[in-house]
Protein backbone atom coordinates (compact mmCIF):
# COMPACT_ATOMS: atom_id res chain seq x y z
CA MET A 1 81.06 53.41 -31.95
CA VAL A 2 77.46 52.33 -32.18
CA PHE A 3 74.85 55.05 -31.91
CA ASP A 4 72.69 54.79 -28.86
CA GLN A 5 69.34 55.49 -30.49
CA GLU A 6 67.61 56.34 -27.24
CA SER A 7 70.30 58.83 -26.20
CA LEU A 8 70.21 60.40 -29.66
CA LYS A 9 66.42 60.70 -29.46
CA GLU A 10 66.56 62.31 -26.01
CA ASP A 11 69.31 64.69 -27.15
CA ILE A 12 67.27 65.77 -30.18
CA ILE A 13 64.16 66.33 -28.03
CA LYS A 14 66.12 68.44 -25.56
CA THR A 15 68.23 70.35 -28.10
CA PHE A 16 65.29 71.34 -30.28
CA ASP A 17 62.82 71.81 -27.42
CA LEU A 18 60.39 69.19 -28.70
CA GLU A 19 58.97 68.15 -25.32
CA GLN A 20 55.62 69.83 -25.98
CA VAL A 21 55.22 68.63 -29.56
CA PRO A 22 52.59 65.86 -29.92
CA GLU A 23 54.28 62.46 -29.84
CA ASP A 24 53.40 61.41 -33.41
CA GLN A 25 54.74 64.67 -34.85
CA ARG A 26 57.76 64.55 -32.55
CA ASP A 27 58.59 60.99 -33.69
CA LYS A 28 58.43 62.07 -37.34
CA LEU A 29 60.70 65.05 -36.67
CA ILE A 30 63.15 62.91 -34.73
CA GLY A 31 63.20 60.38 -37.57
CA LYS A 32 63.94 63.05 -40.16
CA ILE A 33 66.59 64.74 -38.04
CA SER A 34 68.24 61.41 -37.19
CA LEU A 35 68.32 60.27 -40.82
CA THR A 36 69.79 63.58 -41.95
CA LEU A 37 72.40 63.43 -39.19
CA ILE A 38 73.42 59.87 -40.05
CA ARG A 39 73.78 60.86 -43.70
CA ARG A 40 75.92 63.84 -42.70
CA ILE A 41 78.18 61.62 -40.58
CA PHE A 42 78.50 59.14 -43.45
CA ILE A 43 79.36 61.80 -46.02
CA GLU A 44 81.92 63.51 -43.80
CA THR A 45 83.44 60.14 -42.88
CA MET A 46 83.81 59.18 -46.53
CA GLU A 47 85.40 62.55 -47.32
CA LYS A 48 87.83 62.09 -44.46
CA LEU A 49 88.74 58.56 -45.61
CA GLY A 50 89.72 59.66 -49.11
CA ASP A 51 89.55 57.55 -52.26
CA GLN A 52 91.57 54.58 -51.02
CA GLY A 53 89.81 54.55 -47.66
CA VAL A 54 86.42 54.58 -49.38
CA ALA A 55 87.51 51.67 -51.58
CA ASP A 56 88.64 49.76 -48.49
CA TYR A 57 85.37 50.59 -46.72
CA GLU A 58 83.38 49.34 -49.71
CA ALA A 59 85.38 46.11 -49.64
CA LEU A 60 84.35 45.67 -46.00
CA MET A 61 80.72 46.22 -46.94
CA ASP A 62 80.97 43.79 -49.86
CA ARG A 63 82.08 41.03 -47.53
CA SER A 64 79.45 41.91 -44.90
CA ALA A 65 81.97 42.87 -42.23
CA SER A 66 80.74 42.96 -38.64
CA GLN A 67 79.94 46.22 -36.88
CA GLU A 68 83.06 45.69 -34.76
CA GLU A 69 85.27 45.31 -37.86
CA ILE A 70 83.82 48.48 -39.36
CA GLU A 71 84.37 50.42 -36.14
CA THR A 72 87.95 49.15 -35.90
CA PHE A 73 88.55 50.14 -39.53
CA LEU A 74 87.17 53.64 -39.02
CA GLU A 75 89.18 54.18 -35.83
CA SER A 76 92.35 53.02 -37.59
CA ARG A 77 91.81 55.30 -40.58
CA ILE A 78 90.46 58.30 -38.70
CA PRO A 79 92.26 58.55 -35.36
CA GLY A 80 89.84 59.83 -32.74
CA TYR A 81 86.87 58.81 -34.87
CA THR A 82 84.47 59.05 -31.92
CA VAL A 83 85.49 62.66 -31.32
CA PHE A 84 85.23 63.31 -35.07
CA VAL A 85 81.62 62.04 -35.03
CA GLU A 86 80.80 64.07 -31.91
CA ASP A 87 82.12 67.18 -33.67
CA VAL A 88 79.95 66.46 -36.71
CA VAL A 89 76.91 66.05 -34.45
CA THR A 90 77.65 69.29 -32.60
CA ALA A 91 78.09 71.24 -35.85
CA PHE A 92 74.90 69.72 -37.29
CA LYS A 93 72.84 70.69 -34.25
CA ALA A 94 74.29 74.20 -34.29
CA GLU A 95 73.36 74.56 -37.98
CA LEU A 96 69.78 73.46 -37.36
CA LEU A 97 69.42 75.75 -34.37
CA GLU A 98 70.77 78.67 -36.38
CA ARG A 99 68.31 77.99 -39.19
CA ALA A 100 65.44 77.76 -36.74
CA ALA A 101 66.29 81.08 -35.09
């Protein structure tokens, strides 16, 4: 499950009503939101994997596993991983919108 950066960017612009924000400021905001979101997904994924899963994930990283190997690993350890990530994204956006209100 590779993130489509352009779709993520468009979703952030639409969700947070950033269409009228000057492009340079909008790009900075999108960068910060994206980085925070990716960190959130990583943290929640590691929590879901548990200690042994994290150790196995680190072993994959140590041997420079391909993106495909990592995705296969995550799907095998967290059934429905794509839905899991979508749920994290939805919750994250809801949190930000609530804070902004």
